[in-house]
């Protein structure tokens, strides 16, 4: 129970990896009632950043209460909390003002939903089984964690970012809200500037009640094009990188080429400014250079 609350708070505040020594702890208790003070069981509760992006979605318990606890984080902007209840085809809601994520205290957030006269609190709905989705984003080669990577459940508004340890988690994920109303979800990453996905940028996971589904990702530094210059007479341009490539002809010594991709075998894929076309050149025939004169 404590672990579940801690994981939920990781999305609420996105927390950093625990530091040595004491760190401020914030506990948020959301209490949902109707205008008569009666609890609204299993109310839907959403937590959103001040710019409107959804951080996470939860359900209150049978007493209309949701409690989240974890290390406070001063690096994120304020957030708001909303609760909603459905009666028939209509939904009724209430929202808090913006809350300060840096507070080292227990904050009680009372939310009063005004329901139509005579209806009372809605009956507790059937709660679908839930699991969670988690993973780590690391750098190719070094395996170092990559913080600040946006991770999203595709085709939903639910997203989060990796913490300083490269870890992310989506708690309380329903087994019936995935693709086609089933347990399958697509997890996708958006690499930050300077990185590209090494391999697929999305994975499909199956959420099982009471279990975690893992989706890890690897990012590689994005390739930065650079100029080279041929230092041999008649540098040959090729149609490809292997021995089956066809020669396009030769370019004069001191010709400029823009390298557009990582080296493959003995050749570099280049853009030739004189022909405004792409080809391959032997890496041994060129050397680093600045751009050609305008």
Protein backbone atom coordinates (compact mmCIF):
# COMPACT_ATOMS: atom_id res chain seq x y z
CA UNK A 1 0.00 0.00 0.00
CA UNK A 2 2.82 2.37 0.93
CA UNK A 3 4.68 1.48 -2.27
CA UNK A 4 1.59 2.16 -4.38
CA UNK A 5 1.13 5.57 -2.77
CA UNK A 6 4.82 6.40 -3.30
CA UNK A 7 4.65 5.38 -6.99
CA UNK A 8 1.52 7.46 -7.46
CA UNK A 9 3.24 10.47 -5.94
CA UNK A 10 6.10 10.02 -8.40
CA UNK A 11 3.68 11.00 -11.12
CA UNK A 12 2.05 13.70 -9.07
CA UNK A 13 5.22 15.59 -8.31
CA UNK A 14 7.60 13.77 -10.50
CA UNK A 15 10.07 13.00 -7.74
CA UNK A 16 13.81 12.62 -7.93
CA UNK A 17 15.75 9.60 -6.77
CA UNK A 18 15.89 9.61 -2.95
CA UNK A 19 18.87 11.60 -1.64
CA UNK A 20 20.98 10.75 1.39
CA UNK A 21 19.64 12.22 4.60
CA UNK A 22 16.21 13.66 5.25
CA UNK A 23 14.27 15.26 2.41
CA UNK A 24 11.00 17.22 2.53
CA UNK A 25 7.95 15.00 2.23
CA UNK A 26 4.58 16.11 0.94
CA UNK A 27 1.34 14.24 1.60
CA UNK A 28 -1.82 15.19 -0.25
CA UNK A 29 -5.20 13.94 0.92
CA UNK A 30 -8.09 14.53 -1.47
CA UNK A 31 -11.56 14.28 0.09
CA UNK A 32 -14.52 14.22 -2.30
CA UNK A 33 -18.05 14.88 -0.98
CA UNK A 34 -21.36 16.16 -2.26
CA UNK A 35 -23.02 19.39 -1.10
CA UNK A 36 -24.50 17.57 1.88
CA UNK A 37 -21.11 16.36 3.11
CA UNK A 38 -21.70 12.76 1.99
CA UNK A 39 -18.62 11.03 0.56
CA UNK A 40 -18.64 10.24 -3.14
CA UNK A 41 -17.12 6.76 -3.48
CA UNK A 42 -14.70 5.98 -6.28
CA UNK A 43 -14.81 9.49 -7.73
CA UNK A 44 -12.50 10.05 -10.68
CA UNK A 45 -9.57 12.28 -9.70
CA UNK A 46 -7.22 13.94 -12.18
CA UNK A 47 -4.03 15.87 -11.46
CA UNK A 48 -2.92 18.44 -14.05
CA UNK A 49 -0.02 20.84 -14.42
CA UNK A 50 -0.76 24.56 -14.41
CA UNK A 51 -0.50 24.64 -18.22
CA UNK A 52 -3.33 22.07 -18.45
CA UNK A 53 -1.41 18.90 -19.31
CA UNK A 54 -2.70 15.81 -17.52
CA UNK A 55 -0.14 14.36 -15.10
CA UNK A 56 -2.10 11.36 -13.88
CA UNK A 57 -5.52 9.88 -13.18
CA UNK A 58 -6.70 8.09 -10.04
CA UNK A 59 -9.86 6.91 -8.28
CA UNK A 60 -10.89 7.73 -4.73
CA UNK A 61 -11.58 4.86 -2.38
CA UNK A 62 -14.99 3.76 -1.09
CA UNK A 63 -14.96 6.71 1.36
CA UNK A 64 -14.26 9.24 -1.40
CA UNK A 65 -10.65 9.71 -0.26
CA UNK A 66 -7.33 9.57 -2.15
CA UNK A 67 -4.01 9.90 -0.28
CA UNK A 68 -0.67 10.37 -2.04
CA UNK A 69 2.68 10.80 -0.34
CA UNK A 70 6.28 11.25 -1.51
CA UNK A 71 9.32 13.56 -1.54
CA UNK A 72 8.45 17.14 -2.42
CA UNK A 73 10.05 18.55 -5.56
CA UNK A 74 10.68 22.29 -5.91
CA UNK A 75 11.63 22.06 -9.57
CA UNK A 76 8.16 21.64 -11.07
CA UNK A 77 5.36 24.12 -11.52
CA UNK A 78 2.13 24.16 -9.47
CA UNK A 79 -0.65 21.73 -10.27
CA UNK A 80 -4.39 21.45 -9.80
CA UNK A 81 -6.65 18.59 -8.74
CA UNK A 82 -10.16 17.87 -10.07
CA UNK A 83 -12.75 15.26 -9.08
CA UNK A 84 -15.77 14.12 -11.07
CA UNK A 85 -18.77 11.86 -10.55
CA UNK A 86 -21.17 10.51 -13.15
CA UNK A 87 -24.91 10.08 -12.75
CA UNK A 88 -26.65 8.66 -15.78
CA UNK A 89 -25.34 10.41 -18.87
CA UNK A 90 -24.11 13.45 -16.96
CA UNK A 91 -20.85 14.20 -15.21
CA UNK A 92 -20.39 16.65 -12.34
CA UNK A 93 -17.04 17.95 -11.17
CA UNK A 94 -15.13 20.22 -8.83
CA UNK A 95 -11.56 21.51 -8.96
CA UNK A 96 -9.02 22.96 -6.56
CA UNK A 97 -6.91 26.02 -7.07
CA UNK A 98 -3.23 25.62 -7.94
CA UNK A 99 -1.26 23.80 -5.25
CA UNK A 100 2.36 24.44 -4.26
CA UNK A 101 4.42 21.28 -4.95
CA UNK A 102 7.22 22.38 -2.63
CA UNK A 103 5.26 22.32 0.62
CA UNK A 104 6.74 20.10 3.31
CA UNK A 105 3.44 19.25 4.94
CA UNK A 106 0.22 17.29 4.78
CA UNK A 107 -2.24 19.10 2.55
CA UNK A 108 -5.93 18.23 2.65
CA UNK A 109 -7.80 19.13 -0.53
CA UNK A 110 -11.57 19.11 0.02
CA UNK A 111 -13.55 18.95 -3.22
CA UNK A 112 -17.31 19.41 -3.09
CA UNK A 113 -19.27 18.24 -6.11
CA UNK A 114 -22.71 19.81 -6.41
CA UNK A 115 -25.10 17.04 -7.44
CA UNK A 116 -28.69 17.46 -8.67
CA UNK A 117 -31.24 17.67 -5.86
CA UNK A 118 -32.51 14.28 -4.75
CA UNK A 119 -29.85 12.20 -6.43
CA UNK A 120 -27.32 11.83 -3.62
CA UNK A 121 -23.89 10.37 -4.23
CA UNK A 122 -23.71 7.97 -7.19
CA UNK A 123 -23.52 4.29 -6.50
CA UNK A 124 -20.03 2.87 -6.39
CA UNK A 125 -19.15 1.61 -9.87
CA UNK A 126 -17.43 -1.65 -10.57
CA UNK A 127 -13.71 -1.01 -10.38
CA UNK A 128 -11.73 -2.56 -13.22
CA UNK A 129 -8.60 -4.52 -12.29
CA UNK A 130 -5.44 -2.44 -12.49
CA UNK A 131 -1.72 -2.91 -12.91
CA UNK A 132 1.07 -0.48 -13.73
CA UNK A 133 3.57 0.32 -16.50
CA UNK A 134 7.17 1.23 -15.74
CA UNK A 135 10.61 1.34 -17.32
CA UNK A 136 13.95 3.10 -17.66
CA UNK A 137 15.42 5.19 -20.46
CA UNK A 138 19.19 4.84 -20.87
CA UNK A 139 21.90 6.13 -23.18
CA UNK A 140 23.34 3.72 -25.73
CA UNK A 141 26.85 2.50 -24.94
CA UNK A 142 27.29 3.97 -21.46
CA UNK A 143 23.94 2.83 -20.11
CA UNK A 144 23.64 6.12 -18.22
CA UNK A 145 20.08 7.15 -17.30
CA UNK A 146 18.52 9.88 -19.43
CA UNK A 147 16.30 12.26 -17.41
CA UNK A 148 13.61 14.53 -18.80
CA UNK A 149 12.40 12.17 -21.53
CA UNK A 150 8.68 12.40 -22.29
CA UNK A 151 6.95 9.03 -22.09
CA UNK A 152 3.33 8.66 -23.16
CA UNK A 153 0.62 6.03 -23.31
CA UNK A 154 -0.15 6.39 -27.01
CA UNK A 155 -3.68 7.42 -28.00
CA UNK A 156 -4.34 8.73 -24.47
CA UNK A 157 -3.64 12.10 -22.82
CA UNK A 158 -1.54 10.36 -20.13
CA UNK A 159 2.18 11.19 -20.15
CA UNK A 160 5.06 11.67 -17.76
CA UNK A 161 8.81 12.35 -17.85
CA UNK A 162 11.75 10.30 -16.66
CA UNK A 163 13.36 11.30 -13.38
CA UNK A 164 17.08 11.82 -12.67
CA UNK A 165 17.47 8.02 -12.54
CA UNK A 166 15.91 7.64 -16.01
CA UNK A 167 12.92 5.87 -14.48
CA UNK A 168 9.23 6.45 -15.22
CA UNK A 169 6.01 4.86 -14.04
CA UNK A 170 2.30 4.94 -14.81
CA UNK A 171 0.43 3.65 -11.74
CA UNK A 172 -3.13 2.31 -11.57
CA UNK A 173 -3.52 1.46 -15.26
CA UNK A 174 -6.80 -0.28 -16.08
CA UNK A 175 -6.77 -3.68 -17.80
CA UNK A 176 -9.82 -2.62 -19.85
CA UNK A 177 -8.90 0.84 -21.20
CA UNK A 178 -6.19 -0.23 -23.64
CA UNK A 179 -6.46 -0.86 -27.38
CA UNK A 180 -9.91 -2.18 -28.27
CA UNK A 181 -10.98 -2.03 -24.61
CA UNK A 182 -8.36 -4.58 -23.62
CA UNK A 183 -5.15 -4.69 -21.59
CA UNK A 184 -2.69 -3.77 -24.39
CA UNK A 185 -1.11 -0.30 -24.35
CA UNK A 186 1.51 1.32 -26.57
CA UNK A 187 4.24 3.14 -24.65
CA UNK A 188 6.11 5.77 -26.70
CA UNK A 189 9.10 8.01 -25.95
CA UNK A 190 9.88 11.43 -27.38
CA UNK A 191 13.69 11.84 -27.32
CA UNK A 192 14.90 15.23 -26.08
CA UNK A 193 17.04 17.49 -28.24
CA UNK A 194 20.35 15.86 -29.12
CA UNK A 195 19.04 12.30 -28.92
CA UNK A 196 17.33 9.80 -31.19
CA UNK A 197 15.79 6.45 -30.34
CA UNK A 198 18.25 3.59 -30.70
CA UNK A 199 15.76 1.04 -31.95
CA UNK A 200 12.01 1.46 -31.68
CA UNK A 201 10.59 4.56 -30.01
CA UNK A 202 7.46 2.66 -28.96
CA UNK A 203 6.59 -0.68 -27.40
CA UNK A 204 3.36 -2.54 -26.77
CA UNK A 205 2.82 -3.90 -23.26
CA UNK A 206 0.05 -5.96 -21.69
CA UNK A 207 -1.21 -4.80 -18.31
CA UNK A 208 -2.04 -7.58 -15.85
CA UNK A 209 -3.99 -6.87 -12.66
CA UNK A 210 -1.66 -6.47 -9.70
CA UNK A 211 1.49 -6.65 -11.82
CA UNK A 212 3.86 -4.26 -13.56
CA UNK A 213 4.54 -4.25 -17.31
CA UNK A 214 8.05 -3.06 -18.21
CA UNK A 215 9.04 -1.08 -21.30
CA UNK A 216 12.68 0.11 -21.41
CA UNK A 217 14.14 2.36 -24.08
CA UNK A 218 17.62 3.28 -25.31
CA UNK A 219 18.57 6.64 -26.79
CA UNK A 220 21.65 7.50 -28.84
CA UNK A 221 23.20 10.90 -29.54
CA UNK A 222 21.71 12.44 -32.64
CA UNK A 223 24.06 12.55 -35.63
CA UNK A 224 25.38 16.03 -36.45
CA UNK A 225 26.27 16.53 -40.15
CA UNK A 226 29.80 17.81 -40.86
CA UNK A 227 31.86 18.87 -43.87
CA UNK A 228 34.77 16.96 -45.38
CA UNK A 229 37.06 17.67 -48.31
CA UNK A 230 38.61 15.21 -50.74
CA UNK A 231 42.42 15.28 -50.55
CA UNK A 232 43.13 12.74 -53.30
CA UNK A 233 42.82 13.38 -57.02
CA UNK A 234 39.61 11.95 -58.40
CA UNK A 235 37.66 10.84 -55.31
CA UNK A 236 35.11 8.30 -56.55
CA UNK A 237 31.43 8.68 -55.74
CA UNK A 238 29.41 5.47 -55.30
CA UNK A 239 25.75 4.42 -55.34
CA UNK A 240 26.06 2.58 -52.01
CA UNK A 241 28.28 1.50 -49.16
CA UNK A 242 29.13 -2.08 -50.16
CA UNK A 243 31.04 -3.88 -52.90
CA UNK A 244 27.93 -4.07 -55.12
CA UNK A 245 27.76 -0.29 -55.46
CA UNK A 246 28.09 1.33 -58.86
CA UNK A 247 30.61 4.13 -59.44
CA UNK A 248 29.00 7.45 -60.35
CA UNK A 249 32.29 9.03 -61.39
CA UNK A 250 35.07 11.00 -59.70
CA UNK A 251 35.17 14.47 -58.21
CA UNK A 252 38.23 16.76 -58.39
CA UNK A 253 40.69 17.05 -55.55
CA UNK A 254 39.58 19.47 -52.78
CA UNK A 255 35.89 18.93 -53.50
CA UNK A 256 33.55 19.50 -50.55
CA UNK A 257 30.98 17.01 -49.25
CA UNK A 258 28.53 17.17 -46.36
CA UNK A 259 28.50 13.92 -44.37
CA UNK A 260 24.84 13.15 -43.51
CA UNK A 261 25.03 9.84 -41.62
CA UNK A 262 27.27 7.62 -39.55
CA UNK A 263 30.00 5.76 -41.47
CA UNK A 264 28.87 2.43 -42.89
CA UNK A 265 31.71 0.07 -43.72
CA UNK A 266 34.51 1.90 -45.55
CA UNK A 267 32.27 4.69 -46.91
CA UNK A 268 30.44 7.81 -45.87
CA UNK A 269 27.05 8.92 -47.16
CA UNK A 270 27.44 12.49 -48.36
CA UNK A 271 25.60 15.35 -50.00
CA UNK A 272 27.50 16.87 -52.94
CA UNK A 273 26.86 20.64 -53.17
CA UNK A 274 28.06 20.74 -56.79
CA UNK A 275 25.38 18.28 -57.97
CA UNK A 276 22.93 18.84 -55.10
CA UNK A 277 22.55 15.08 -54.82
CA UNK A 278 23.51 12.26 -52.46
CA UNK A 279 26.19 9.60 -52.94
CA UNK A 280 28.81 7.61 -51.05
CA UNK A 281 32.53 8.34 -50.86
CA UNK A 282 35.43 6.33 -49.46
CA UNK A 283 36.23 7.57 -45.96
CA UNK A 284 39.95 7.19 -46.71
CA UNK A 285 39.68 9.72 -49.54
CA UNK A 286 38.38 12.63 -47.47
CA UNK A 287 39.28 14.57 -44.35
CA UNK A 288 37.59 17.05 -41.98
CA UNK A 289 36.97 20.50 -43.35
CA UNK A 290 34.95 23.64 -42.78
CA UNK A 291 32.05 24.47 -45.11
CA UNK A 292 32.78 25.67 -48.64
CA UNK A 293 32.98 29.38 -49.27
CA UNK A 294 29.64 30.98 -50.20
